[in-house]
N, C-alpha and C. Protein backbone atom coordinates (compact mmCIF):
# COMPACT_ATOMS: atom_id res chain seq x y z
N MET A 1 1.14 -1.15 0.45
CA MET A 1 0.11 -0.02 0.03
C MET A 1 1.21 1.19 0.15
N GLY A 2 1.91 1.16 0.34
CA GLY A 2 2.96 2.39 0.49
C GLY A 2 2.55 3.15 1.54
N VAL A 3 2.56 4.71 0.90
CA VAL A 3 2.63 5.73 1.96
C VAL A 3 1.33 5.73 2.68
N GLU A 4 0.24 5.06 2.04
CA GLU A 4 -1.00 5.37 2.26
C GLU A 4 -1.42 4.42 3.53
N ALA A 5 -0.81 3.48 3.67
CA ALA A 5 -1.04 2.38 4.39
C ALA A 5 -0.74 2.66 5.97
N ASN A 6 -1.63 2.32 6.99
CA ASN A 6 -1.58 3.02 8.49
C ASN A 6 -0.56 2.00 8.69
N HIS A 7 0.48 2.72 9.94
CA HIS A 7 1.38 2.11 10.83
C HIS A 7 0.93 0.77 11.71
N ARG A 8 1.53 -0.15 12.00
CA ARG A 8 1.00 -1.20 13.05
C ARG A 8 0.35 -0.47 14.44
N VAL A 9 1.09 0.47 14.87
CA VAL A 9 0.51 1.21 15.96
C VAL A 9 -0.70 1.52 16.14
N THR A 10 -1.01 2.27 14.67
CA THR A 10 -2.10 2.71 14.27
C THR A 10 -3.40 1.79 14.20
N THR A 11 -2.99 0.64 13.45
CA THR A 11 -3.85 0.14 13.42
C THR A 11 -4.07 -0.76 14.72
N ALA A 12 -3.15 -1.12 15.43
CA ALA A 12 -3.62 -1.62 17.01
C ALA A 12 -4.47 -0.73 17.87
N LEU A 13 -4.04 0.41 17.55
CA LEU A 13 -5.37 1.32 18.43
C LEU A 13 -6.06 1.38 18.06
N ALA A 14 -6.58 1.48 16.66
CA ALA A 14 -7.88 1.10 16.33
C ALA A 14 -8.55 -0.06 16.71
N TRP A 15 -7.85 -1.14 17.02
CA TRP A 15 -8.37 -2.34 17.36
C TRP A 15 -8.99 -2.19 18.65
N ALA A 16 -7.84 -1.83 19.47
CA ALA A 16 -8.25 -1.79 20.73
C ALA A 16 -9.29 -0.45 21.21
N ILE A 17 -9.62 0.51 20.19
CA ILE A 17 -10.55 1.21 20.64
C ILE A 17 -12.01 0.89 20.35
N ALA A 18 -11.90 0.01 19.02
CA ALA A 18 -12.94 -0.86 18.70
C ALA A 18 -13.53 -1.87 19.61
N ALA A 19 -12.54 -2.42 20.19
CA ALA A 19 -13.02 -3.27 21.31
C ALA A 19 -13.35 -2.88 22.53
N THR A 20 -12.94 -1.96 22.66
CA THR A 20 -13.44 -1.33 24.01
C THR A 20 -14.88 -0.66 23.97
N ILE A 21 -15.42 0.06 22.63
CA ILE A 21 -16.52 0.22 22.46
C ILE A 21 -17.44 -0.83 22.33
N THR A 22 -16.84 -1.86 21.86
CA THR A 22 -17.83 -3.35 21.79
C THR A 22 -18.04 -3.59 23.17
N ALA A 23 -16.83 -3.49 24.05
CA ALA A 23 -17.29 -4.26 25.30
C ALA A 23 -18.34 -3.34 26.06
N LEU A 24 -18.04 -1.99 25.82
CA LEU A 24 -19.17 -0.88 26.57
C LEU A 24 -20.44 -1.22 26.29
N ASN A 25 -20.56 -1.53 25.05
CA ASN A 25 -21.99 -1.73 24.21
C ASN A 25 -22.58 -2.83 25.01
N LEU A 26 -21.75 -3.91 24.97
CA LEU A 26 -22.51 -5.16 25.74
C LEU A 26 -22.85 -4.89 27.07
N ALA A 27 -21.92 -4.18 27.73
CA ALA A 27 -22.28 -3.94 29.47
C ALA A 27 -23.42 -3.20 29.46
N LEU A 28 -23.62 -1.96 28.55
CA LEU A 28 -25.04 -1.45 28.50
C LEU A 28 -26.15 -2.33 28.17
N ILE A 29 -25.96 -3.14 27.24
CA ILE A 29 -27.09 -3.94 27.13
C ILE A 29 -27.27 -5.04 27.96
N TYR A 30 -26.36 -5.76 28.58
CA TYR A 30 -26.59 -6.45 30.05
C TYR A 30 -27.32 -5.73 30.91
N LEU A 31 -26.93 -4.61 31.08
CA LEU A 31 -27.39 -3.71 32.46
C LEU A 31 -28.72 -3.54 32.11
N THR A 32 -28.97 -3.13 30.84
CA THR A 32 -30.57 -2.89 30.66
C THR A 32 -31.51 -4.06 30.51
N VAL A 33 -31.19 -4.94 30.16
CA VAL A 33 -31.90 -6.11 29.75
C VAL A 33 -31.86 -7.47 31.34
N ARG A 34 -30.97 -7.07 32.15
CA ARG A 34 -31.00 -7.97 33.34
C ARG A 34 -32.22 -7.80 34.36
N PRO A 35 -32.40 -8.80 34.72
CA PRO A 35 -33.72 -8.58 35.73
C PRO A 35 -33.65 -7.72 37.04
């Protein structure tokens, strides 16, 4: 990809942020639907 490619750190950071948002969404759903 050359110049347009993301560095490994950028890609890893993006995956970490996405995983955090997903985990928070799952926690919110759990807290909403629990009895």
